[in-house]
Amino acid sequence: EAQRAFENDKPDSMRKDVRMISGCDDTQTSADVSNVNSFQLPDPAGRAGGACTSTLLNILYKDGQTPEDTMSFTEVLDKMRINLKENGYSQIPQLTSLNPIDITTDFTLVPSDATGGVRRAVMIGINYVGHEQGELSGCHNDVLNMKKYIMNEHGFDEDNIVVLMDDGQHTSPTKSNMINAYKQIVADSEDGDTIFLHYSGHGTKVRDESGDEEDGYDEALCPLDYNESGLLVDDDLFAILIEPLQQGVHMVSLMDCCHSGTILDLPYIFKPIPNEDGSMPTSMKLDDTINLDGLIEQFG
């Protein structure tokens, strides 16, 4: 009933293809993997990687080797959960979206109906090099591994991939550079194009100032210069990425960070948590942590 009412009430401006895979829900902490070889990942970029990215790539590469064994969204997320658990992580990966996706259909990182247009990506990896605490080791590798995957498997042109990393060689992932990259990719994209966003770094929670979060907290990304420039909170990300997005653009995001579950404030959710009878849910549901009325007002 709630879903039917929400679908009836929401304006056409909300009917966009925006989806996100995140490493864990807002109450969980993401893991930094020191040796991605335990995930059997084709590893062009050293031995450290993020748990969510490594796990997803491991599953997709294995699936690519046996293309007759196509997997549904449900199966991919469940395999991620099992793989993470087997490697000692308690993270529950999840899929969220602006509109419901049929999770029983074949999984593809780029939506299956995104057949034309230009494919662009913004990929951000922050190891917080030199920070006294919180330095990570896997985030650059996450980006390089995922970049290789989307180029080889999904036809992304390197000229259309913007990489921000704190490695001294790429554009620095400061707050202003992150915002500019996000604004630019949305401005450049039009009907039929595809956007892929990948973030690997720290995420956190801050007290919600706008009153739009049911749990009283906003989720936020931690730019390299967060101490000076502050965090990039979910309300800002929504205003930069989702609201101005043209109809007909496909946006896919992979958020490999703590507190990433609702970082884009998307209302539909699927978590690969079995039902009491052991079966897996077959449809997405409305996320009860999202203020749906507030969401509709934002698009009003």
Protein backbone atom coordinates (compact mmCIF):
# COMPACT_ATOMS: atom_id res chain seq x y z
CA GLU A 1 0.00 0.00 0.00
CA ALA A 2 2.75 2.44 0.94
CA GLN A 3 4.60 1.68 -2.27
CA ARG A 4 1.49 2.20 -4.41
CA ALA A 5 0.78 5.53 -2.70
CA PHE A 6 4.39 6.64 -3.14
CA GLU A 7 4.37 5.71 -6.84
CA ASN A 8 1.10 7.60 -7.35
CA ASP A 9 2.37 10.70 -5.55
CA LYS A 10 5.83 11.03 -7.00
CA PRO A 11 6.33 13.49 -9.87
CA ASP A 12 7.63 12.47 -13.30
CA SER A 13 10.91 14.21 -12.48
CA MET A 14 11.64 11.35 -10.07
CA ARG A 15 11.30 8.67 -12.74
CA LYS A 16 15.00 8.48 -13.46
CA ASP A 17 17.27 5.44 -13.65
CA VAL A 18 19.51 5.92 -10.61
CA ARG A 19 20.87 2.90 -8.77
CA MET A 20 23.61 2.29 -6.23
CA ILE A 21 25.48 -0.69 -4.87
CA SER A 22 26.96 0.01 -1.45
CA GLY A 23 29.34 -1.94 0.69
CA CYS A 24 27.32 -1.79 3.87
CA ASP A 25 24.32 -0.18 5.46
CA ASP A 26 24.49 2.99 7.52
CA THR A 27 25.07 1.23 10.83
CA GLN A 28 28.00 -0.84 9.61
CA THR A 29 31.65 -0.07 9.13
CA SER A 30 33.34 -0.87 5.84
CA ALA A 31 36.53 -2.93 5.72
CA ASP A 32 39.83 -2.22 4.04
CA VAL A 33 41.34 -5.38 2.60
CA SER A 34 45.12 -5.58 2.78
CA ASN A 35 45.43 -8.48 0.35
CA VAL A 36 42.92 -8.72 -2.48
CA ASN A 37 44.44 -12.02 -3.57
CA SER A 38 42.23 -13.67 -0.95
CA PHE A 39 39.37 -12.61 -3.25
CA GLN A 40 41.07 -14.13 -6.32
CA LEU A 41 40.90 -10.77 -8.07
CA PRO A 42 42.79 -10.13 -11.31
CA ASP A 43 45.16 -7.70 -9.68
CA PRO A 44 46.96 -5.13 -11.85
CA ALA A 45 47.25 -2.60 -9.07
CA GLY A 46 49.04 -4.01 -6.04
CA ARG A 47 47.85 -6.06 -3.11
CA ALA A 48 45.46 -3.81 -1.19
CA GLY A 49 41.79 -3.29 -1.99
CA GLY A 50 38.40 -2.45 -0.50
CA ALA A 51 36.19 -5.32 0.54
CA CYS A 52 33.11 -4.34 -1.47
CA THR A 53 34.93 -3.55 -4.72
CA SER A 54 37.15 -6.63 -4.50
CA THR A 55 34.21 -8.91 -3.80
CA LEU A 56 32.05 -7.54 -6.61
CA LEU A 57 34.87 -7.72 -9.15
CA ASN A 58 35.72 -11.24 -8.09
CA ILE A 59 32.13 -12.36 -8.70
CA LEU A 60 31.78 -10.49 -11.99
CA TYR A 61 35.08 -11.78 -13.37
CA LYS A 62 34.11 -15.34 -12.47
CA ASP A 63 30.72 -14.79 -14.10
CA GLY A 64 32.44 -13.39 -17.19
CA GLN A 65 34.52 -16.53 -17.50
CA THR A 66 31.32 -18.60 -17.66
CA PRO A 67 28.86 -16.29 -19.42
CA GLU A 68 26.22 -19.01 -19.70
CA ASP A 69 25.84 -18.78 -15.92
CA THR A 70 24.20 -15.37 -15.85
CA MET A 71 23.32 -14.19 -12.36
CA SER A 72 20.41 -12.08 -11.15
CA PHE A 73 20.81 -8.98 -8.99
CA THR A 74 19.63 -11.13 -6.09
CA GLU A 75 22.32 -13.75 -6.72
CA VAL A 76 25.14 -11.23 -7.15
CA LEU A 77 24.31 -9.40 -3.91
CA ASP A 78 23.91 -12.70 -2.05
CA LYS A 79 27.24 -13.99 -3.39
CA MET A 80 28.83 -10.75 -2.24
CA ARG A 81 27.37 -11.25 1.25
CA ILE A 82 28.58 -14.86 1.41
CA ASN A 83 32.02 -13.99 0.02
CA LEU A 84 32.45 -11.18 2.53
CA LYS A 85 31.33 -13.42 5.39
CA GLU A 86 33.74 -16.19 4.35
CA ASN A 87 36.55 -13.66 4.41
CA GLY A 88 35.69 -12.49 7.92
CA TYR A 89 33.61 -9.39 7.18
CA SER A 90 30.13 -8.78 8.57
CA GLN A 91 29.17 -6.26 5.90
CA ILE A 92 25.82 -6.69 4.16
CA PRO A 93 26.00 -5.26 0.63
CA GLN A 94 22.85 -3.66 -0.68
CA LEU A 95 21.22 -2.24 -3.79
CA THR A 96 19.22 0.99 -3.67
CA SER A 97 17.44 2.82 -6.48
CA LEU A 98 15.23 5.80 -7.25
CA ASN A 99 12.70 3.51 -8.94
CA PRO A 100 12.19 -0.21 -8.32
CA ILE A 101 14.40 -2.61 -10.29
CA ASP A 102 13.36 -6.17 -11.07
CA ILE A 103 16.06 -7.90 -9.03
CA THR A 104 15.23 -11.30 -10.52
CA THR A 105 16.60 -10.16 -13.91
CA ASP A 106 20.20 -10.66 -15.02
CA PHE A 107 22.68 -8.45 -13.18
CA THR A 108 24.68 -6.00 -15.21
CA LEU A 109 26.75 -3.16 -13.82
CA VAL A 110 25.62 -0.94 -16.70
CA PRO A 111 21.82 -1.19 -17.18
CA SER A 112 20.92 -3.55 -20.01
CA ASP A 113 18.85 -0.92 -21.81
CA ALA A 114 21.76 1.57 -21.82
CA THR A 115 22.82 0.53 -25.30
CA GLY A 116 23.66 3.87 -26.92
CA GLY A 117 25.00 7.21 -25.85
CA VAL A 118 28.27 8.13 -24.21
CA ARG A 119 29.58 6.31 -21.15
CA ARG A 120 31.31 8.50 -18.60
CA ALA A 121 32.75 7.81 -15.16
CA VAL A 122 34.01 9.65 -12.10
CA MET A 123 36.16 7.40 -9.92
CA ILE A 124 37.47 8.57 -6.55
CA GLY A 125 39.96 6.68 -4.39
CA ILE A 126 41.28 8.23 -1.19
CA ASN A 127 43.91 6.53 0.97
CA TYR A 128 44.39 9.66 3.14
CA VAL A 129 48.13 9.38 2.63
CA GLY A 130 50.07 10.93 5.47
CA HIS A 131 47.09 11.37 7.79
CA GLU A 132 47.97 10.44 11.36
CA GLN A 133 44.92 8.24 11.73
CA GLY A 134 42.53 6.68 9.29
CA GLU A 135 45.04 6.07 6.51
CA LEU A 136 43.74 3.36 4.16
CA SER A 137 45.69 1.16 1.81
CA GLY A 138 43.16 -0.20 -0.66
CA CYS A 139 41.32 2.69 -2.23
CA HIS A 140 43.65 3.49 -5.13
CA ASN A 141 43.67 -0.17 -6.10
CA ASP A 142 39.87 -0.24 -5.96
CA VAL A 143 39.70 2.52 -8.53
CA LEU A 144 42.37 1.10 -10.83
CA ASN A 145 40.82 -2.38 -10.76
CA MET A 146 37.32 -1.08 -11.38
CA LYS A 147 38.52 1.29 -14.11
CA LYS A 148 40.10 -1.64 -15.93
CA TYR A 149 36.86 -3.61 -15.57
CA ILE A 150 34.53 -0.93 -16.97
CA MET A 151 36.89 -0.26 -19.88
CA ASN A 152 37.33 -3.93 -20.78
CA GLU A 153 33.82 -5.18 -20.07
CA HIS A 154 31.58 -2.16 -20.64
CA GLY A 155 33.34 -0.15 -23.32
CA PHE A 156 34.14 2.98 -21.32
CA ASP A 157 36.70 5.16 -23.11
CA GLU A 158 39.60 6.29 -20.93
CA ASP A 159 39.07 9.85 -22.19
CA ASN A 160 35.64 9.82 -20.54
CA ILE A 161 36.87 8.58 -17.15
CA VAL A 162 37.82 11.17 -14.53
CA VAL A 163 40.01 9.77 -11.74
CA LEU A 164 40.62 11.57 -8.45
CA MET A 165 43.24 9.99 -6.16
CA ASP A 166 45.69 11.21 -3.53
CA ASP A 167 48.64 9.55 -5.22
CA GLY A 168 50.38 12.68 -6.52
CA GLN A 169 49.67 11.67 -10.12
CA HIS A 170 45.93 12.27 -10.49
CA THR A 171 43.69 15.21 -9.62
CA SER A 172 43.55 15.48 -5.84
CA PRO A 173 40.24 14.32 -4.26
CA THR A 174 39.56 17.54 -2.38
CA LYS A 175 35.98 18.52 -1.63
CA SER A 176 35.89 21.18 -4.35
CA ASN A 177 37.44 18.85 -6.94
CA MET A 178 34.94 16.11 -6.08
CA ILE A 179 32.00 18.52 -6.38
CA ASN A 180 33.31 19.92 -9.67
CA ALA A 181 33.78 16.44 -11.15
CA TYR A 182 30.28 15.39 -10.10
CA LYS A 183 28.70 18.59 -11.44
CA GLN A 184 30.55 18.28 -14.74
CA ILE A 185 29.57 14.69 -15.45
CA VAL A 186 25.90 15.46 -14.78
CA ALA A 187 26.04 18.59 -16.97
CA ASP A 188 27.71 16.69 -19.83
CA SER A 189 25.28 13.75 -19.83
CA GLU A 190 22.05 13.66 -21.81
CA ASP A 191 19.28 11.23 -22.71
CA GLY A 192 20.79 7.82 -23.53
CA ASP A 193 24.14 8.40 -21.81
CA THR A 194 25.48 6.37 -18.87
CA ILE A 195 27.22 7.66 -15.73
CA PHE A 196 29.27 5.38 -13.48
CA LEU A 197 30.37 6.74 -10.10
CA HIS A 198 32.84 4.87 -7.91
CA TYR A 199 33.94 6.05 -4.49
CA SER A 200 36.40 4.22 -2.27
CA GLY A 201 37.42 5.97 0.92
CA HIS A 202 36.04 6.94 4.30
CA GLY A 203 32.36 7.57 4.93
CA THR A 204 30.81 8.78 8.16
CA LYS A 205 27.63 10.01 9.85
CA VAL A 206 26.92 13.53 11.05
CA ARG A 207 23.94 14.97 12.90
CA ASP A 208 21.18 15.84 10.43
CA GLU A 209 20.59 19.60 10.30
CA SER A 210 17.74 19.59 7.76
CA GLY A 211 15.41 17.15 9.51
CA ASP A 212 15.08 14.86 6.49
CA GLU A 213 16.66 11.76 8.02
CA GLU A 214 14.48 9.37 10.02
CA ASP A 215 17.46 8.32 12.17
CA GLY A 216 18.60 11.90 12.85
CA TYR A 217 21.88 11.54 10.95
CA ASP A 218 23.16 12.44 7.51
CA GLU A 219 25.59 10.14 5.76
CA ALA A 220 28.69 11.79 4.35
CA LEU A 221 31.77 11.18 2.23
CA CYS A 222 35.14 12.29 3.60
CA PRO A 223 37.14 14.29 1.02
CA LEU A 224 40.90 14.41 1.41
CA ASP A 225 40.68 17.91 2.93
CA TYR A 226 37.67 17.21 5.17
CA ASN A 227 39.45 18.84 8.12
CA GLU A 228 39.61 22.18 6.28
CA SER A 229 36.67 22.02 3.87
CA GLY A 230 34.22 19.74 5.64
CA LEU A 231 32.33 16.64 4.59
CA LEU A 232 30.22 15.99 1.51
CA VAL A 233 26.84 15.08 3.00
CA ASP A 234 24.06 13.09 1.36
CA ASP A 235 21.83 16.16 0.95
CA ASP A 236 24.58 17.85 -1.09
CA LEU A 237 25.17 14.72 -3.18
CA PHE A 238 21.45 14.49 -3.92
CA ALA A 239 21.33 18.15 -5.02
CA ILE A 240 24.46 17.79 -7.17
CA LEU A 241 23.88 14.37 -8.73
CA ILE A 242 20.22 13.38 -8.64
CA GLU A 243 18.05 16.50 -8.92
CA PRO A 244 19.71 18.01 -12.03
CA LEU A 245 20.14 14.66 -13.80
CA GLN A 246 18.44 14.68 -17.21
CA GLN A 247 15.69 12.18 -17.90
CA GLY A 248 16.99 9.20 -19.84
CA VAL A 249 20.49 9.22 -18.31
CA HIS A 250 21.46 5.97 -16.59
CA MET A 251 23.37 6.53 -13.34
CA VAL A 252 25.09 3.67 -11.51
CA SER A 253 27.07 4.25 -8.33
CA LEU A 254 29.35 1.95 -6.34
CA MET A 255 30.03 3.30 -2.85
CA ASP A 256 32.72 1.37 -1.01
CA CYS A 257 32.81 3.18 2.31
CA CYS A 258 31.36 3.18 5.82
CA HIS A 259 27.79 4.40 6.28
CA SER A 260 27.16 4.14 2.56
CA GLY A 261 23.72 2.55 2.57
CA THR A 262 21.64 5.66 1.97
CA ILE A 263 24.37 8.08 0.89
CA LEU A 264 22.28 9.04 -2.18
CA ASP A 265 18.93 8.97 -0.32
CA LEU A 266 17.39 6.52 -2.80
CA PRO A 267 14.00 5.19 -1.63
CA TYR A 268 14.02 1.57 -2.85
CA ILE A 269 16.26 -1.02 -1.24
CA PHE A 270 17.27 -4.66 -1.47
CA LYS A 271 19.47 -6.42 1.09
CA PRO A 272 20.43 -10.07 0.53
CA ILE A 273 19.09 -11.21 3.89
CA PRO A 274 17.19 -14.52 3.63
CA ASN A 275 13.55 -14.75 4.71
CA GLU A 276 12.64 -16.97 7.67
CA ASP A 277 12.05 -19.89 5.30
CA GLY A 278 15.54 -19.47 3.83
CA SER A 279 14.36 -17.99 0.54
CA MET A 280 15.67 -14.67 -0.73
CA PRO A 281 13.38 -11.64 -1.21
CA THR A 282 12.36 -11.30 -4.87
CA SER A 283 11.60 -7.58 -4.96
CA MET A 284 12.89 -4.26 -3.67
CA LYS A 285 10.99 -2.51 -0.91
CA LEU A 286 10.68 1.06 0.26
CA ASP A 287 13.43 1.99 2.70
CA ASP A 288 11.77 2.94 5.98
CA THR A 289 14.75 5.12 6.93
CA ILE A 290 14.03 7.53 4.04
CA ASN A 291 11.61 10.43 4.50
CA LEU A 292 9.48 9.78 1.41
CA ASP A 293 7.35 12.93 1.70
CA GLY A 294 10.49 15.02 1.97
CA LEU A 295 11.94 13.25 -1.06
CA ILE A 296 8.86 14.05 -3.16
CA GLU A 297 9.04 17.68 -2.03
CA GLN A 298 12.65 17.93 -3.23
CA PHE A 299 11.51 17.03 -6.73
CA GLY A 300 8.20 18.93 -6.35
